[in-house]
Amino acid sequence: MRPLAYQRALDLFMESMIKPDYELRANAGYQDCYGELMEIRQSCITYLRTLKEINDIESGDESDAIEVGKTLSAKLSSQRIAFTHGELI
């Protein structure tokens, strides 16, 4: 794995997650799953941030523990957040 290329790829993927996709959000609204879509989006963004952080950690055991803790915390937090159509995270 090339660390710099991996970081750039993570940055680009994060950008694609943050950029609003109005058509997708409208479809989620029509299918009555907008809140769930935004919850999954938030979980993915949190996971991507964790990947960026652990990319520099040498110990696999340490990075796994960090990732599990952050993912669980983000999941619990995202369940409490109410999203609106115009809200960005």
Protein backbone atom coordinates (compact mmCIF):
# COMPACT_ATOMS: atom_id res chain seq x y z
CA MET A 1 0.00 0.00 0.00
CA ARG A 2 1.22 3.48 -0.86
CA PRO A 3 0.44 5.68 2.18
CA LEU A 4 0.22 9.01 0.35
CA ALA A 5 -2.00 7.61 -2.40
CA TYR A 6 -4.18 5.94 0.24
CA GLN A 7 -4.61 9.25 2.10
CA ARG A 8 -5.51 11.05 -1.13
CA ALA A 9 -8.03 8.32 -1.98
CA LEU A 10 -9.58 8.63 1.49
CA ASP A 11 -9.81 12.41 1.07
CA LEU A 12 -11.55 12.06 -2.30
CA PHE A 13 -13.96 9.44 -1.00
CA MET A 14 -14.73 11.62 2.04
CA GLU A 15 -15.43 14.52 -0.32
CA SER A 16 -17.88 12.35 -2.26
CA MET A 17 -19.67 11.41 0.98
CA ILE A 18 -19.95 15.01 2.19
CA LYS A 19 -21.07 16.46 -1.15
CA PRO A 20 -24.88 16.57 -1.16
CA ASP A 21 -26.59 14.32 -3.69
CA TYR A 22 -30.01 15.91 -3.96
CA GLU A 23 -31.43 13.24 -6.28
CA LEU A 24 -30.43 10.46 -3.90
CA ARG A 25 -31.83 12.35 -0.91
CA ALA A 26 -35.09 13.02 -2.75
CA ASN A 27 -35.37 9.33 -3.60
CA ALA A 28 -34.79 8.45 0.06
CA GLY A 29 -37.54 10.90 1.01
CA TYR A 30 -39.96 9.30 -1.44
CA GLN A 31 -39.08 5.85 -0.11
CA ASP A 32 -39.47 7.06 3.50
CA CYS A 33 -35.89 6.21 4.52
CA TYR A 34 -34.22 9.63 4.56
CA GLY A 35 -33.29 9.48 8.26
CA GLU A 36 -31.80 6.02 7.84
CA LEU A 37 -29.82 7.18 4.80
CA MET A 38 -28.36 10.08 6.78
CA GLU A 39 -27.55 7.76 9.70
CA ILE A 40 -25.67 5.41 7.37
CA ARG A 41 -23.94 8.41 5.77
CA GLN A 42 -22.79 9.65 9.17
CA SER A 43 -21.51 6.19 10.10
CA CYS A 44 -19.54 6.01 6.84
CA ILE A 45 -18.04 9.47 7.37
CA THR A 46 -17.01 8.54 10.90
CA TYR A 47 -15.48 5.31 9.64
CA LEU A 48 -13.54 7.19 6.96
CA ARG A 49 -12.19 9.60 9.58
CA THR A 50 -11.12 6.60 11.66
CA LEU A 51 -9.35 5.09 8.65
CA LYS A 52 -7.45 8.35 8.18
CA GLU A 53 -6.41 8.36 11.83
CA ILE A 54 -5.36 4.72 12.05
CA ASN A 55 -3.46 4.83 8.78
CA ASP A 56 -0.49 6.25 10.68
CA ILE A 57 -0.66 3.85 13.66
CA GLU A 58 1.84 0.99 13.46
CA SER A 59 0.17 -1.52 15.78
CA GLY A 60 -2.79 -3.35 14.26
CA ASP A 61 -4.18 -4.22 17.70
CA GLU A 62 -4.19 -0.59 18.77
CA SER A 63 -5.86 0.59 15.57
CA ASP A 64 -8.53 -2.12 15.81
CA ALA A 65 -9.43 -1.07 19.35
CA ILE A 66 -9.60 2.59 18.34
CA GLU A 67 -11.77 1.79 15.34
CA VAL A 68 -14.22 -0.35 17.32
CA GLY A 69 -14.59 2.29 20.03
CA LYS A 70 -15.12 5.15 17.61
CA THR A 71 -17.53 3.20 15.43
CA LEU A 72 -19.69 2.25 18.41
CA SER A 73 -19.67 5.81 19.72
CA ALA A 74 -20.58 7.22 16.31
CA LYS A 75 -23.39 4.71 15.87
CA LEU A 76 -24.94 5.67 19.20
CA SER A 77 -24.55 9.38 18.47
CA SER A 78 -25.97 9.15 14.97
CA GLN A 79 -29.09 7.43 16.25
CA ARG A 80 -29.88 10.53 18.33
CA ILE A 81 -29.40 13.05 15.52
CA ALA A 82 -32.41 14.26 13.59
CA PHE A 83 -31.62 15.25 10.02
CA THR A 84 -33.35 17.70 7.76
CA HIS A 85 -33.09 17.86 3.99
CA GLY A 86 -30.83 20.94 4.04
CA GLU A 87 -28.50 19.82 6.80
CA LEU A 88 -24.87 18.97 6.11
CA ILE A 89 -22.69 17.01 8.45
